[in-house]
PDB file of all heavy atoms in Angstrom:
ATOM      1  N   PRO A   1       0.757  -1.196   0.006  1.00  0.00           N
ATOM      2  CA  PRO A   1       0.046   0.040  -0.016  1.00  0.00           C
ATOM      3  C   PRO A   1       0.797   1.253   0.018  1.00  0.00           C
ATOM      4  O   PRO A   1       0.306   2.474  -0.267  1.00  0.00           O
ATOM      5  CB  PRO A   1      -0.801  -0.131   1.390  1.00  0.00           C
ATOM      6  CG  PRO A   1       0.086  -0.966   2.186  1.00  0.00           C
ATOM      7  CD  PRO A   1       0.847  -1.911   1.264  1.00  0.00           C
ATOM      8  N   GLU A   2       2.010   1.180   0.348  1.00  0.00           N
ATOM      9  CA  GLU A   2       2.878   2.368   0.392  1.00  0.00           C
ATOM     10  C   GLU A   2       3.046   3.192  -0.932  1.00  0.00           C
ATOM     11  O   GLU A   2       2.750   4.445  -0.935  1.00  0.00           O
ATOM     12  CB  GLU A   2       4.321   2.037   0.945  1.00  0.00           C
ATOM     13  CG  GLU A   2       5.140   3.359   1.188  1.00  0.00           C
ATOM     14  CD  GLU A   2       6.531   3.072   1.665  1.00  0.00           C
ATOM     15  OE1 GLU A   2       6.707   1.927   2.268  1.00  0.00           O
ATOM     16  OE2 GLU A   2       7.440   3.893   1.480  1.00  0.00           O
ATOM     17  N   PRO A   3       3.243   2.463  -2.099  1.00  0.00           N
ATOM     18  CA  PRO A   3       3.171   3.178  -3.291  1.00  0.00           C
ATOM     19  C   PRO A   3       1.809   3.776  -3.673  1.00  0.00           C
ATOM     20  O   PRO A   3       1.809   4.856  -4.277  1.00  0.00           O
ATOM     21  CB  PRO A   3       3.575   2.074  -4.402  1.00  0.00           C
ATOM     22  CG  PRO A   3       4.326   1.098  -3.670  1.00  0.00           C
ATOM     23  CD  PRO A   3       3.749   1.085  -2.187  1.00  0.00           C
ATOM     24  N   LEU A   4       0.797   3.161  -3.265  1.00  0.00           N
ATOM     25  CA  LEU A   4      -0.566   3.682  -3.366  1.00  0.00           C
ATOM     26  C   LEU A   4      -0.714   5.037  -2.704  1.00  0.00           C
ATOM     27  O   LEU A   4      -1.214   5.986  -3.152  1.00  0.00           O
ATOM     28  CB  LEU A   4      -1.617   2.682  -2.955  1.00  0.00           C
ATOM     29  CG  LEU A   4      -3.089   3.217  -2.870  1.00  0.00           C
ATOM     30  CD1 LEU A   4      -3.582   3.642  -4.344  1.00  0.00           C
ATOM     31  CD2 LEU A   4      -3.940   2.135  -2.318  1.00  0.00           C
ATOM     32  N   GLY A   5      -0.157   5.104  -1.433  1.00  0.00           N
ATOM     33  CA  GLY A   5      -0.286   6.286  -0.654  1.00  0.00           C
ATOM     34  C   GLY A   5       0.459   7.341  -1.361  1.00  0.00           C
ATOM     35  O   GLY A   5      -0.028   8.522  -1.297  1.00  0.00           O
ATOM     36  N   PHE A   6       1.685   7.162  -1.973  1.00  0.00           N
ATOM     37  CA  PHE A   6       2.334   8.069  -2.664  1.00  0.00           C
ATOM     38  C   PHE A   6       1.599   8.546  -3.917  1.00  0.00           C
ATOM     39  O   PHE A   6       1.643   9.762  -4.313  1.00  0.00           O
ATOM     40  CB  PHE A   6       3.783   7.429  -3.007  1.00  0.00           C
ATOM     41  CG  PHE A   6       4.693   8.496  -3.664  1.00  0.00           C
ATOM     42  CD1 PHE A   6       4.817   9.768  -3.231  1.00  0.00           C
ATOM     43  CD2 PHE A   6       5.499   8.092  -4.677  1.00  0.00           C
ATOM     44  CE1 PHE A   6       5.720  10.700  -3.741  1.00  0.00           C
ATOM     45  CE2 PHE A   6       6.457   8.994  -5.378  1.00  0.00           C
ATOM     46  CZ  PHE A   6       6.471  10.310  -4.791  1.00  0.00           C
ATOM     47  N   ALA A   7       0.965   7.597  -4.606  1.00  0.00           N
ATOM     48  CA  ALA A   7       0.132   8.022  -5.761  1.00  0.00           C
ATOM     49  C   ALA A   7      -0.940   8.981  -5.327  1.00  0.00           C
ATOM     50  O   ALA A   7      -1.210  10.039  -6.086  1.00  0.00           O
ATOM     51  CB  ALA A   7      -0.343   6.753  -6.436  1.00  0.00           C
ATOM     52  N   LEU A   8      -1.561   8.749  -4.275  1.00  0.00           N
ATOM     53  CA  LEU A   8      -2.617   9.549  -3.781  1.00  0.00           C
ATOM     54  C   LEU A   8      -2.240  10.971  -3.434  1.00  0.00           C
ATOM     55  O   LEU A   8      -2.682  11.960  -3.672  1.00  0.00           O
ATOM     56  CB  LEU A   8      -3.389   8.927  -2.620  1.00  0.00           C
ATOM     57  CG  LEU A   8      -4.236   7.666  -3.061  1.00  0.00           C
ATOM     58  CD1 LEU A   8      -4.639   6.938  -1.651  1.00  0.00           C
ATOM     59  CD2 LEU A   8      -5.523   8.086  -3.702  1.00  0.00           C
ATOM     60  N   GLU A   9      -0.957  10.906  -2.708  1.00  0.00           N
ATOM     61  CA  GLU A   9      -0.384  12.216  -2.394  1.00  0.00           C
ATOM     62  C   GLU A   9      -0.014  13.042  -3.564  1.00  0.00           C
ATOM     63  O   GLU A   9      -0.210  14.284  -3.685  1.00  0.00           O
ATOM     64  CB  GLU A   9       0.891  11.829  -1.547  1.00  0.00           C
ATOM     65  CG  GLU A   9       1.546  13.159  -0.950  1.00  0.00           C
ATOM     66  CD  GLU A   9       2.728  12.856  -0.065  1.00  0.00           C
ATOM     67  OE1 GLU A   9       3.038  11.627   0.181  1.00  0.00           O
ATOM     68  OE2 GLU A   9       3.414  13.694   0.333  1.00  0.00           O
ATOM     69  N   LEU A  10       0.618  12.455  -4.600  1.00  0.00           N
ATOM     70  CA  LEU A  10       0.897  13.183  -5.844  1.00  0.00           C
ATOM     71  C   LEU A  10      -0.282  13.685  -6.576  1.00  0.00           C
ATOM     72  O   LEU A  10      -0.258  14.727  -7.112  1.00  0.00           O
ATOM     73  CB  LEU A  10       1.763  12.216  -6.726  1.00  0.00           C
ATOM     74  CG  LEU A  10       3.143  11.868  -6.359  1.00  0.00           C
ATOM     75  CD1 LEU A  10       3.736  10.797  -7.333  1.00  0.00           C
ATOM     76  CD2 LEU A  10       3.977  13.044  -6.394  1.00  0.00           C
ATOM     77  N   ALA A  11      -1.263  12.835  -6.517  1.00  0.00           N
ATOM     78  CA  ALA A  11      -2.601  13.303  -7.150  1.00  0.00           C
ATOM     79  C   ALA A  11      -3.201  14.386  -6.497  1.00  0.00           C
ATOM     80  O   ALA A  11      -3.764  15.397  -7.149  1.00  0.00           O
ATOM     81  CB  ALA A  11      -3.649  12.106  -7.226  1.00  0.00           C
ATOM     82  N   GLU A  12      -3.147  14.504  -5.222  1.00  0.00           N
ATOM     83  CA  GLU A  12      -3.687  15.647  -4.389  1.00  0.00           C
ATOM     84  C   GLU A  12      -2.907  16.954  -4.831  1.00  0.00           C
ATOM     85  O   GLU A  12      -3.360  18.023  -4.963  1.00  0.00           O
ATOM     86  CB  GLU A  12      -3.573  15.384  -2.901  1.00  0.00           C
ATOM     87  CG  GLU A  12      -4.740  14.304  -2.392  1.00  0.00           C
ATOM     88  CD  GLU A  12      -4.469  13.848  -1.086  1.00  0.00           C
ATOM     89  OE1 GLU A  12      -3.472  14.417  -0.454  1.00  0.00           O
ATOM     90  OE2 GLU A  12      -5.194  12.973  -0.678  1.00  0.00           O
ATOM     91  N   ASP A  13      -1.554  16.741  -4.802  1.00  0.00           N
ATOM     92  CA  ASP A  13      -0.685  17.962  -5.134  1.00  0.00           C
ATOM     93  C   ASP A  13      -1.014  18.374  -6.652  1.00  0.00           C
ATOM     94  O   ASP A  13      -1.078  19.556  -6.929  1.00  0.00           O
ATOM     95  CB  ASP A  13       0.671  17.603  -5.061  1.00  0.00           C
ATOM     96  CG  ASP A  13       1.219  17.452  -3.638  1.00  0.00           C
ATOM     97  OD1 ASP A  13       0.536  17.852  -2.699  1.00  0.00           O
ATOM     98  OD2 ASP A  13       2.247  16.676  -3.330  1.00  0.00           O
ATOM     99  N   LEU A  14      -1.326  17.434  -7.501  1.00  0.00           N
ATOM    100  CA  LEU A  14      -1.532  17.696  -8.909  1.00  0.00           C
ATOM    101  C   LEU A  14      -2.700  18.603  -9.019  1.00  0.00           C
ATOM    102  O   LEU A  14      -2.826  19.576  -9.739  1.00  0.00           O
ATOM    103  CB  LEU A  14      -1.784  16.408  -9.632  1.00  0.00           C
ATOM    104  CG  LEU A  14      -1.954  16.361 -11.242  1.00  0.00           C
ATOM    105  CD1 LEU A  14      -1.611  14.967 -11.726  1.00  0.00           C
ATOM    106  CD2 LEU A  14      -3.480  16.642 -11.499  1.00  0.00           C
ATOM    107  N   VAL A  15      -3.785  18.134  -8.263  1.00  0.00           N
ATOM    108  CA  VAL A  15      -5.102  18.878  -8.304  1.00  0.00           C
ATOM    109  C   VAL A  15      -4.844  20.293  -7.634  1.00  0.00           C
ATOM    110  O   VAL A  15      -5.259  21.352  -8.322  1.00  0.00           O
ATOM    111  CB  VAL A  15      -6.113  18.160  -7.468  1.00  0.00           C
ATOM    112  CG1 VAL A  15      -7.304  19.125  -7.321  1.00  0.00           C
ATOM    113  CG2 VAL A  15      -6.615  16.873  -8.191  1.00  0.00           C
ATOM    114  N   ASP A  16      -4.133  20.350  -6.577  1.00  0.00           N
ATOM    115  CA  ASP A  16      -3.875  21.703  -5.965  1.00  0.00           C
ATOM    116  C   ASP A  16      -3.050  22.681  -6.808  1.00  0.00           C
ATOM    117  O   ASP A  16      -3.365  23.890  -6.878  1.00  0.00           O
ATOM    118  CB  ASP A  16      -3.082  21.524  -4.597  1.00  0.00           C
ATOM    119  CG  ASP A  16      -3.854  20.873  -3.534  1.00  0.00           C
ATOM    120  OD1 ASP A  16      -5.189  20.882  -3.773  1.00  0.00           O
ATOM    121  OD2 ASP A  16      -3.386  20.278  -2.570  1.00  0.00           O
ATOM    122  N   GLU A  17      -2.114  22.123  -7.651  1.00  0.00           N
ATOM    123  CA  GLU A  17      -1.247  23.028  -8.384  1.00  0.00           C
ATOM    124  C   GLU A  17      -1.509  23.182  -9.718  1.00  0.00           C
ATOM    125  O   GLU A  17      -1.136  24.248 -10.351  1.00  0.00           O
ATOM    126  CB  GLU A  17       0.163  22.530  -8.174  1.00  0.00           C
ATOM    127  CG  GLU A  17       0.656  22.349  -6.745  1.00  0.00           C
ATOM    128  CD  GLU A  17       2.160  22.359  -6.575  1.00  0.00           C
ATOM    129  OE1 GLU A  17       2.896  22.922  -7.398  1.00  0.00           O
ATOM    130  OE2 GLU A  17       2.566  21.672  -5.656  1.00  0.00           O
ATOM    131  N   PHE A  18      -2.330  22.342 -10.480  1.00  0.00           N
ATOM    132  CA  PHE A  18      -2.401  22.463 -11.927  1.00  0.00           C
ATOM    133  C   PHE A  18      -3.946  22.535 -12.343  1.00  0.00           C
ATOM    134  O   PHE A  18      -4.190  22.878 -13.495  1.00  0.00           O
ATOM    135  CB  PHE A  18      -1.755  21.242 -12.530  1.00  0.00           C
ATOM    136  CG  PHE A  18      -0.291  21.056 -12.294  1.00  0.00           C
ATOM    137  CD1 PHE A  18       0.263  20.320 -11.319  1.00  0.00           C
ATOM    138  CD2 PHE A  18       0.602  21.922 -13.073  1.00  0.00           C
ATOM    139  CE1 PHE A  18       1.563  20.143 -11.078  1.00  0.00           C
ATOM    140  CE2 PHE A  18       1.966  21.909 -12.636  1.00  0.00           C
ATOM    141  CZ  PHE A  18       2.387  20.965 -11.791  1.00  0.00           C
ATOM    142  N   TYR A  19      -4.830  21.980 -11.474  1.00  0.00           N
ATOM    143  CA  TYR A  19      -6.255  22.134 -11.905  1.00  0.00           C
ATOM    144  C   TYR A  19      -6.813  23.449 -11.582  1.00  0.00           C
ATOM    145  O   TYR A  19      -6.688  24.129 -10.602  1.00  0.00           O
ATOM    146  CB  TYR A  19      -7.026  21.035 -11.040  1.00  0.00           C
ATOM    147  CG  TYR A  19      -8.475  21.025 -11.260  1.00  0.00           C
ATOM    148  CD1 TYR A  19      -9.047  20.828 -12.522  1.00  0.00           C
ATOM    149  CD2 TYR A  19      -9.344  21.310 -10.203  1.00  0.00           C
ATOM    150  CE1 TYR A  19     -10.439  20.822 -12.668  1.00  0.00           C
ATOM    151  CE2 TYR A  19     -10.766  21.224 -10.396  1.00  0.00           C
ATOM    152  CZ  TYR A  19     -11.298  21.031 -11.696  1.00  0.00           C
ATOM    153  OH  TYR A  19     -12.626  21.111 -11.925  1.00  0.00           O
ATOM    154  N   ASP A  20      -7.591  23.907 -12.618  1.00  0.00           N
ATOM    155  CA  ASP A  20      -8.328  25.142 -12.510  1.00  0.00           C
ATOM    156  C   ASP A  20      -9.711  24.875 -12.557  1.00  0.00           C
ATOM    157  O   ASP A  20     -10.274  24.501 -13.633  1.00  0.00           O
ATOM    158  CB  ASP A  20      -7.853  26.089 -13.696  1.00  0.00           C
ATOM    159  CG  ASP A  20      -8.452  27.446 -13.483  1.00  0.00           C
ATOM    160  OD1 ASP A  20      -9.599  27.710 -13.298  1.00  0.00           O
ATOM    161  OD2 ASP A  20      -7.546  28.546 -13.600  1.00  0.00           O
ATOM    162  N   ALA A  21     -10.408  24.911 -11.428  1.00  0.00           N
ATOM    163  CA  ALA A  21     -11.904  24.647 -11.486  1.00  0.00           C
ATOM    164  C   ALA A  21     -12.719  25.539 -12.244  1.00  0.00           C
ATOM    165  O   ALA A  21     -13.721  25.169 -12.859  1.00  0.00           O
ATOM    166  CB  ALA A  21     -12.297  24.706  -9.875  1.00  0.00           C
ATOM    167  N   ASP A  22     -12.470  26.911 -12.355  1.00  0.00           N
ATOM    168  CA  ASP A  22     -13.138  27.802 -13.247  1.00  0.00           C
ATOM    169  C   ASP A  22     -12.955  27.347 -14.602  1.00  0.00           C
ATOM    170  O   ASP A  22     -14.043  27.444 -15.496  1.00  0.00           O
ATOM    171  CB  ASP A  22     -12.697  29.228 -13.030  1.00  0.00           C
ATOM    172  CG  ASP A  22     -12.888  29.688 -11.661  1.00  0.00           C
ATOM    173  OD1 ASP A  22     -13.829  29.247 -11.029  1.00  0.00           O
ATOM    174  OD2 ASP A  22     -12.112  30.538 -11.096  1.00  0.00           O
ATOM    175  N   ASP A  23     -11.821  26.961 -15.155  1.00  0.00           N
ATOM    176  CA  ASP A  23     -11.622  26.678 -16.606  1.00  0.00           C
ATOM    177  C   ASP A  23     -11.962  25.178 -16.783  1.00  0.00           C
ATOM    178  O   ASP A  23     -12.145  24.767 -18.047  1.00  0.00           O
ATOM    179  CB  ASP A  23     -10.260  26.923 -17.003  1.00  0.00           C
ATOM    180  CG  ASP A  23      -9.953  28.313 -17.036  1.00  0.00           C
ATOM    181  OD1 ASP A  23     -10.819  29.203 -16.952  1.00  0.00           O
ATOM    182  OD2 ASP A  23      -8.723  28.699 -17.096  1.00  0.00           O
ATOM    183  N   GLY A  24     -12.032  24.403 -15.778  1.00  0.00           N
ATOM    184  CA  GLY A  24     -12.355  22.971 -15.904  1.00  0.00           C
ATOM    185  C   GLY A  24     -11.279  22.224 -16.689  1.00  0.00           C
ATOM    186  O   GLY A  24     -11.560  21.310 -17.365  1.00  0.00           O
ATOM    187  N   THR A  25     -10.099  22.582 -16.383  1.00  0.00           N
ATOM    188  CA  THR A  25      -9.020  21.843 -17.166  1.00  0.00           C
ATOM    189  C   THR A  25      -7.775  21.758 -16.055  1.00  0.00           C
ATOM    190  O   THR A  25      -7.837  22.349 -15.111  1.00  0.00           O
ATOM    191  CB  THR A  25      -8.546  22.609 -18.312  1.00  0.00           C
ATOM    192  OG1 THR A  25      -7.689  21.766 -19.173  1.00  0.00           O
ATOM    193  CG2 THR A  25      -7.840  23.882 -18.060  1.00  0.00           C
ATOM    194  N   ILE A  26      -6.777  20.974 -16.579  1.00  0.00           N
ATOM    195  CA  ILE A  26      -5.572  20.811 -15.847  1.00  0.00           C
ATOM    196  C   ILE A  26      -4.403  21.259 -16.766  1.00  0.00           C
ATOM    197  O   ILE A  26      -4.170  20.739 -17.791  1.00  0.00           O
ATOM    198  CB  ILE A  26      -5.305  19.289 -15.511  1.00  0.00           C
ATOM    199  CG1 ILE A  26      -6.466  18.719 -14.749  1.00  0.00           C
ATOM    200  CG2 ILE A  26      -4.122  19.113 -14.686  1.00  0.00           C
ATOM    201  CD1 ILE A  26      -6.429  17.214 -14.509  1.00  0.00           C
ATOM    202  N   TYR A  27      -3.729  22.341 -16.158  1.00  0.00           N
ATOM    203  CA  TYR A  27      -2.730  22.993 -17.050  1.00  0.00           C
ATOM    204  C   TYR A  27      -1.405  22.183 -16.856  1.00  0.00           C
ATOM    205  O   TYR A  27      -1.160  21.543 -15.900  1.00  0.00           O
ATOM    206  CB  TYR A  27      -2.567  24.499 -16.741  1.00  0.00           C
ATOM    207  CG  TYR A  27      -3.703  25.353 -17.218  1.00  0.00           C
ATOM    208  CD1 TYR A  27      -4.752  25.531 -16.385  1.00  0.00           C
ATOM    209  CD2 TYR A  27      -3.638  25.932 -18.505  1.00  0.00           C
ATOM    210  CE1 TYR A  27      -5.854  26.446 -16.856  1.00  0.00           C
ATOM    211  CE2 TYR A  27      -4.750  26.565 -18.967  1.00  0.00           C
ATOM    212  CZ  TYR A  27      -5.751  26.911 -18.079  1.00  0.00           C
ATOM    213  OH  TYR A  27      -6.818  27.657 -18.513  1.00  0.00           O
ATOM    214  N   PHE A  28      -0.506  22.467 -17.814  1.00  0.00           N
ATOM    215  CA  PHE A  28       0.772  21.808 -17.743  1.00  0.00           C
ATOM    216  C   PHE A  28       1.780  22.581 -16.721  1.00  0.00           C
ATOM    217  O   PHE A  28       2.633  21.896 -16.118  1.00  0.00           O
ATOM    218  CB  PHE A  28       1.478  21.880 -19.085  1.00  0.00           C
ATOM    219  CG  PHE A  28       2.748  21.047 -19.118  1.00  0.00           C
ATOM    220  CD1 PHE A  28       2.760  19.731 -19.345  1.00  0.00           C
ATOM    221  CD2 PHE A  28       3.942  21.710 -19.191  1.00  0.00           C
ATOM    222  CE1 PHE A  28       3.945  18.967 -19.480  1.00  0.00           C
ATOM    223  CE2 PHE A  28       5.159  21.048 -19.332  1.00  0.00           C
ATOM    224  CZ  PHE A  28       5.152  19.646 -19.364  1.00  0.00           C
TER     225      PHE A  28
END
């Protein structure tokens, strides 16, 4: 499960830093 925890952590950071809810997209 440890790699899964890391995947979830990275995904949360991805959303925080690259997802724009107003535009409905994920920027590079």
